[in-house]
Protein backbone atom coordinates (compact mmCIF):
# COMPACT_ATOMS: atom_id res chain seq x y z
CA MET A 1 9.98 81.37 -28.88
CA ASN A 2 9.90 77.70 -27.96
CA LYS A 3 10.81 77.37 -24.28
CA VAL A 4 11.82 74.01 -22.93
CA GLU A 5 11.89 72.87 -19.34
CA THR A 6 13.12 69.43 -18.35
CA PRO A 7 14.48 67.78 -15.20
CA TYR A 8 17.96 68.22 -16.68
CA THR A 9 17.92 71.98 -16.87
CA ASP A 10 18.35 74.52 -14.13
CA VAL A 11 16.56 77.32 -15.98
CA VAL A 12 13.95 77.67 -18.68
CA SER A 13 15.74 78.42 -21.94
CA ASP A 14 15.64 77.96 -25.69
CA THR A 15 18.02 75.05 -25.47
CA ALA A 16 18.02 72.40 -22.79
CA ILE A 17 21.56 71.80 -21.53
CA PRO A 18 22.15 68.72 -19.39
CA ALA A 19 22.88 69.83 -15.86
CA LYS A 20 25.60 67.20 -15.50
CA ARG A 21 27.56 68.65 -18.41
CA ASP A 22 26.91 72.15 -17.09
CA VAL A 23 28.38 71.31 -13.69
CA LYS A 24 31.41 69.64 -15.28
CA SER A 25 32.10 72.69 -17.44
CA LEU A 26 31.71 74.95 -14.43
CA MET A 27 34.16 72.90 -12.36
CA GLN A 28 36.68 72.88 -15.20
CA GLY A 29 36.30 76.64 -15.46
CA VAL A 30 36.88 77.09 -11.74
CA LYS A 31 40.02 74.91 -11.87
CA ALA A 32 41.35 76.96 -14.78
CA LEU A 33 40.50 80.21 -13.02
CA ILE A 34 42.37 79.35 -9.83
CA LYS A 35 45.17 77.60 -11.80
CA ILE A 36 44.77 74.40 -9.80
CA GLY A 37 48.08 72.99 -11.03
CA ILE A 38 49.98 76.00 -9.70
CA VAL A 39 48.11 75.87 -6.40
CA ASN A 40 48.91 72.18 -5.92
CA SER A 41 52.58 72.53 -6.88
CA ASN A 42 53.01 75.45 -4.47
CA LEU A 43 51.51 73.49 -1.59
CA ILE A 44 54.36 70.95 -1.79
CA PRO A 45 56.96 73.51 -0.57
CA VAL A 46 54.47 74.68 2.08
CA ILE A 47 54.30 71.14 3.47
CA ALA A 48 58.08 70.77 3.27
CA GLY A 49 58.67 74.00 5.16
CA PHE A 50 56.13 73.02 7.81
CA TRP A 51 57.54 69.53 8.26
CA LEU A 52 61.16 70.71 8.45
CA ALA A 53 60.29 73.20 11.20
CA ILE A 54 58.83 70.30 13.20
CA TYR A 55 61.89 68.16 12.46
CA ILE A 56 64.51 70.78 13.28
CA TYR A 57 62.93 71.79 16.57
CA GLY A 58 61.95 68.29 17.66
CA LEU A 59 58.22 68.93 17.77
CA THR A 60 55.50 66.29 17.57
CA PHE A 61 53.74 66.18 14.20
CA SER A 62 50.50 64.69 15.56
CA GLU A 63 50.04 67.71 17.81
CA HIS A 64 50.19 70.09 14.84
CA VAL A 65 48.11 68.32 12.20
CA GLY A 66 45.32 70.85 12.66
CA THR A 67 47.73 73.70 12.11
CA LEU A 68 49.03 72.04 8.93
CA ILE A 69 45.49 71.68 7.57
CA MET A 70 44.71 75.34 8.23
CA THR A 71 48.07 76.36 6.75
CA LEU A 72 47.28 74.47 3.54
CA ILE A 73 43.77 75.89 3.35
CA GLY A 74 44.91 79.45 4.01
CA SER A 75 47.93 79.43 1.72
CA GLY A 76 45.98 77.58 -1.00
CA LEU A 77 43.27 80.25 -0.94
CA VAL A 78 45.80 83.09 -1.10
CA ILE A 79 47.61 81.47 -4.04
CA ALA A 80 44.28 80.83 -5.77
CA GLY A 81 43.23 84.44 -5.12
CA GLY A 82 46.37 85.71 -6.79
CA ALA A 83 45.82 83.40 -9.77
CA ILE A 84 42.23 84.60 -10.15
CA LEU A 85 43.33 88.24 -10.18
CA ASN A 86 46.06 87.41 -12.68
CA ASN A 87 43.37 85.97 -14.98
CA TRP A 88 41.22 89.05 -14.46
CA TYR A 89 44.03 91.49 -15.30
CA ASP A 90 45.48 89.57 -18.26
CA VAL A 91 42.16 89.11 -20.08
CA ASP A 92 43.35 91.36 -22.91
CA ILE A 93 46.53 89.41 -23.72
CA ASP A 94 45.44 85.85 -22.86
CA PRO A 95 43.55 85.38 -26.18
CA LYS A 96 46.87 85.79 -28.02
CA MET A 97 48.51 82.75 -26.42
CA SER A 98 47.54 79.12 -27.01
CA ARG A 99 48.03 78.07 -23.39
CA THR A 100 45.82 80.90 -22.06
CA LYS A 101 43.22 81.50 -24.75
CA SER A 102 40.80 79.01 -23.20
CA ARG A 103 40.77 80.58 -19.76
CA PRO A 104 37.23 81.25 -18.48
CA THR A 105 37.87 84.99 -18.44
CA VAL A 106 38.58 84.82 -22.19
CA THR A 107 35.69 82.52 -23.07
CA GLY A 108 33.26 84.55 -21.02
CA LEU A 109 32.28 81.69 -18.71
CA PHE A 110 32.59 84.13 -15.80
CA SER A 111 32.08 87.88 -15.90
CA LEU A 112 35.11 90.03 -15.18
CA ARG A 113 33.31 91.67 -12.27
CA ALA A 114 32.59 88.27 -10.71
CA VAL A 115 36.21 87.21 -11.23
CA LEU A 116 37.54 90.38 -9.60
CA ILE A 117 35.29 89.93 -6.58
CA ALA A 118 36.17 86.24 -6.33
CA GLY A 119 39.90 87.01 -6.40
CA ILE A 120 39.67 89.60 -3.64
CA VAL A 121 37.34 87.54 -1.43
CA THR A 122 39.40 84.36 -1.84
CA THR A 123 42.59 86.21 -0.93
CA VAL A 124 41.07 87.89 2.14
CA ILE A 125 39.62 84.61 3.44
CA GLY A 126 42.97 82.86 2.94
CA LEU A 127 44.89 85.55 4.79
CA GLY A 128 42.28 85.48 7.54
CA VAL A 129 42.66 81.73 7.98
CA LEU A 130 46.43 82.03 8.28
CA LEU A 131 46.18 84.96 10.67
CA LEU A 132 43.63 83.28 12.94
CA PHE A 133 44.88 79.70 12.95
CA THR A 134 48.65 79.90 12.34
CA THR A 135 50.93 82.90 12.93
CA VAL A 136 51.19 86.51 11.89
CA TYR A 137 54.44 85.70 10.11
CA ALA A 138 52.83 83.01 7.94
CA ALA A 139 50.08 85.46 6.96
CA LEU A 140 52.69 88.15 6.28
CA PHE A 141 54.74 85.97 3.93
CA ALA A 142 51.56 84.87 2.16
CA PHE A 143 50.58 88.50 1.66
CA ILE A 144 54.05 89.41 0.39
CA GLY A 145 53.86 86.58 -2.14
CA TRP A 146 50.38 87.67 -3.23
CA PHE A 147 51.34 91.35 -3.50
CA VAL A 148 54.48 90.64 -5.52
CA TYR A 149 52.62 88.34 -7.90
CA VAL A 150 49.50 90.44 -8.42
CA VAL A 151 50.83 93.99 -8.21
CA LEU A 152 54.57 94.00 -8.86
CA TYR A 153 54.56 91.19 -11.44
CA THR A 154 51.14 91.01 -13.13
CA MET A 155 50.21 94.70 -13.07
CA TRP A 156 53.64 96.31 -13.40
CA THR A 157 56.72 94.46 -14.63
CA LYS A 158 55.22 91.66 -16.74
CA ARG A 159 54.45 93.93 -19.69
CA LYS A 160 57.36 96.34 -19.30
CA TYR A 161 60.61 94.66 -18.29
CA THR A 162 62.52 91.45 -19.00
CA LEU A 163 63.20 91.35 -15.25
CA ASN A 164 59.56 90.39 -14.78
CA THR A 165 60.69 86.79 -14.30
CA ILE A 166 62.94 87.73 -11.38
CA VAL A 167 60.15 89.72 -9.75
CA GLY A 168 57.74 86.82 -10.09
CA CYS A 169 60.31 84.50 -8.52
CA PHE A 170 60.08 86.37 -5.21
CA SER A 171 56.44 85.43 -5.06
CA GLY A 172 57.06 81.80 -5.94
CA ALA A 173 59.69 81.48 -3.20
CA MET A 174 57.26 82.31 -0.38
CA PRO A 175 55.45 78.93 0.07
CA PRO A 176 58.19 77.18 2.12
CA LEU A 177 58.43 80.27 4.34
CA ILE A 178 54.67 80.17 4.92
CA GLY A 179 54.96 76.55 6.00
CA TRP A 180 57.99 77.07 8.24
CA TYR A 181 56.73 80.20 9.99
CA ALA A 182 53.26 78.74 10.48
CA ILE A 183 54.78 76.33 12.98
CA TYR A 184 57.91 78.05 14.29
CA PRO A 185 58.25 81.81 13.64
CA GLU A 186 61.98 82.21 14.26
CA LEU A 187 64.87 82.88 11.84
CA HIS A 188 66.88 79.82 10.84
CA VAL A 189 69.23 78.85 8.01
CA VAL A 190 66.84 76.14 6.76
CA PRO A 191 64.01 78.47 5.64
CA VAL A 192 66.65 80.73 4.08
CA GLY A 193 67.93 77.76 2.09
CA LEU A 194 64.41 76.77 1.06
CA PHE A 195 63.68 80.32 -0.10
CA LEU A 196 66.88 80.51 -2.17
CA ILE A 197 66.30 77.13 -3.80
CA MET A 198 62.75 78.07 -4.79
CA PHE A 199 63.79 81.54 -5.93
CA ILE A 200 66.66 80.40 -8.15
CA TRP A 201 64.88 77.27 -9.46
CA GLN A 202 62.10 79.33 -10.99
CA THR A 203 64.22 81.41 -13.36
CA PRO A 204 65.58 78.57 -15.55
CA HIS A 205 62.15 76.93 -15.33
CA PHE A 206 60.29 79.97 -16.66
CA LEU A 207 63.01 81.01 -19.12
CA ALA A 208 62.79 77.57 -20.70
CA LEU A 209 59.02 77.97 -20.95
CA ALA A 210 59.51 81.45 -22.44
CA MET A 211 61.78 79.98 -25.12
CA LYS A 212 59.13 77.37 -25.99
CA LYS A 213 56.43 80.06 -26.21
CA ALA A 214 58.58 82.92 -27.53
CA ASP A 215 56.37 83.60 -30.55
CA GLU A 216 53.26 83.79 -28.41
CA TYR A 217 54.87 86.09 -25.85
CA LYS A 218 55.98 88.32 -28.72
CA GLU A 219 52.45 88.41 -30.14
CA ALA A 220 51.06 89.25 -26.70
CA GLY A 221 53.61 92.02 -26.18
CA VAL A 222 55.20 90.43 -23.11
CA PRO A 223 58.95 91.27 -23.03
CA MET A 224 60.33 87.93 -21.93
CA LEU A 225 64.12 87.55 -22.13
CA PRO A 226 64.19 85.29 -25.24
CA VAL A 227 61.81 87.67 -27.02
CA VAL A 228 63.93 90.77 -26.37
CA TYR A 229 67.49 89.42 -26.27
CA GLY A 230 67.24 86.12 -28.12
CA PHE A 231 67.87 82.47 -27.33
CA ASN A 232 71.66 82.66 -26.89
CA MET A 233 71.40 85.19 -24.08
CA THR A 234 68.60 83.18 -22.48
CA LYS A 235 70.64 79.97 -22.58
CA ARG A 236 73.56 81.67 -20.86
CA GLN A 237 71.25 83.03 -18.17
CA ILE A 238 69.82 79.56 -17.58
CA ILE A 239 73.35 78.17 -17.10
CA VAL A 240 74.19 80.91 -14.59
CA TYR A 241 71.08 80.32 -12.50
CA VAL A 242 71.44 76.54 -12.49
CA ALA A 243 75.07 76.99 -11.40
CA CYS A 244 73.83 79.13 -8.50
CA LEU A 245 71.85 76.13 -7.25
CA LEU A 246 74.99 74.00 -6.81
CA PRO A 247 76.02 75.18 -3.30
CA LEU A 248 72.51 75.63 -1.88
CA PRO A 249 71.91 72.06 -0.61
CA PHE A 250 74.72 72.64 1.88
CA LEU A 251 72.57 75.24 3.63
CA LEU A 252 70.34 72.27 4.45
CA SER A 253 73.15 70.01 5.71
CA SER A 254 71.10 69.38 8.85
CA LEU A 255 68.87 67.13 6.71
CA GLY A 256 71.67 64.60 6.42
CA THR A 257 74.12 63.10 3.94
CA THR A 258 71.48 61.32 1.85
CA PHE A 259 69.79 64.61 1.06
CA LEU A 260 73.06 66.32 0.21
CA VAL A 261 74.12 63.56 -2.18
CA ILE A 262 70.80 63.35 -4.03
CA ALA A 263 70.29 67.14 -4.18
CA THR A 264 73.84 67.68 -5.44
CA ALA A 265 73.38 64.96 -8.07
CA LEU A 266 70.18 66.66 -9.25
CA ASN A 267 71.98 70.00 -9.49
CA ILE A 268 74.97 68.57 -11.36
CA GLY A 269 72.70 66.75 -13.79
CA TRP A 270 70.75 69.94 -14.47
CA PHE A 271 73.95 71.96 -14.89
CA ILE A 272 75.34 69.48 -17.44
CA LEU A 273 72.06 69.58 -19.35
CA ALA A 274 72.11 73.39 -19.26
CA VAL A 275 75.66 73.59 -20.62
CA THR A 276 74.75 71.36 -23.58
CA GLY A 277 72.56 74.23 -24.72
CA LEU A 278 75.69 76.03 -25.89
CA PHE A 279 76.34 73.32 -28.47
CA ILE A 280 72.93 72.00 -29.42
CA LYS A 281 71.26 73.25 -32.62
CA ASP A 282 67.63 72.55 -31.76
CA ASP A 283 67.00 75.28 -29.18
CA LEU A 284 63.34 74.43 -28.66
CA LYS A 285 64.04 70.75 -28.06
CA TRP A 286 66.71 71.72 -25.52
CA ALA A 287 64.37 74.21 -23.85
CA ASN A 288 61.74 71.50 -23.51
CA ARG A 289 64.28 69.21 -21.84
CA ILE A 290 65.25 71.96 -19.41
CA PHE A 291 61.58 72.60 -18.65
CA ILE A 292 60.80 68.94 -18.01
CA TYR A 293 63.92 68.53 -15.87
CA SER A 294 62.91 71.54 -13.77
CA LEU A 295 59.49 70.02 -13.09
CA ASN A 296 61.01 66.70 -12.05
CA TYR A 297 63.59 68.54 -9.95
CA LEU A 298 60.91 70.16 -7.81
CA VAL A 299 58.82 66.99 -7.55
CA ILE A 300 61.85 65.02 -6.35
CA LEU A 301 63.65 67.56 -4.17
CA PHE A 302 60.93 68.76 -1.81
CA PRO A 303 59.29 65.41 -1.05
CA MET A 304 62.81 64.05 -0.50
CA MET A 305 63.34 66.66 2.22
CA ILE A 306 60.44 65.10 4.06
CA ILE A 307 61.34 61.47 3.36
CA VAL A 308 64.95 61.68 4.59
CA THR A 309 63.83 63.31 7.85
CA LEU A 310 61.14 60.74 8.69
CA PRO A 311 61.75 58.89 11.99
CA ILE A 312 62.44 55.59 10.20
CA PHE A 313 65.51 57.15 8.58
CA ASN A 314 66.84 58.71 11.79
């Protein structure tokens, strides 16, 4: 056996692998494992919830920057922990889908034992950060979101019921509550409105994705709505859920007229697009439009909540 050792290798092996490439592959694997895109997108509602609590109760943002940082770290770790455990549990079906077959649990970059431990440890640390540096309520909502996603969605309903999407939506609606209750743990109509918007937004978003990936979900044995009941039923469900978004901005009327006008316009635009699905022939093209609109909807709506409540606009 010809062993090679160079300054570019971390271990003696048959093949010298440049350490730089090794580190890059490792970092890419870690990002895929924690689903960095999902973590980042979920932190936007956390920030919005946090900021709106400060705005509604007339608090000073500069005095709570430290709390915001710890809230983002704690909630980010909990979300990442749930994503890691989702990867660990779904290792048997991920190879059957194009968007998941390259996950590090499938490729073998990380051992399943290491992934399981990492998911548990990351979650515990995240909950600990929230508990120690924010409030019990923020930690509680983070745990509820984690439990619903990992246990009730990933381990139970995902492979058995078409209602798996609804179950998963409860988890995805927790981030704004984490942010709000990290700064002001009292009941208010604003966090209720934020929860409902996040909860209802997710269903048309994920149903559109399920239509795009229907063949893959079928191959993996995941009973998504378009797989079990077809595209026509799914399109009608998307219309219903988008329609349910129409009155929700008025729960956040305290954010001002500008917010109400823009949020309502976004909802009407989405509803019109959804209704066109009843007449369009290319279902997949329509589903892709719904999916893209849903992404833009979230990216516009939550930052706008912060922008319209900045001091320069009040």
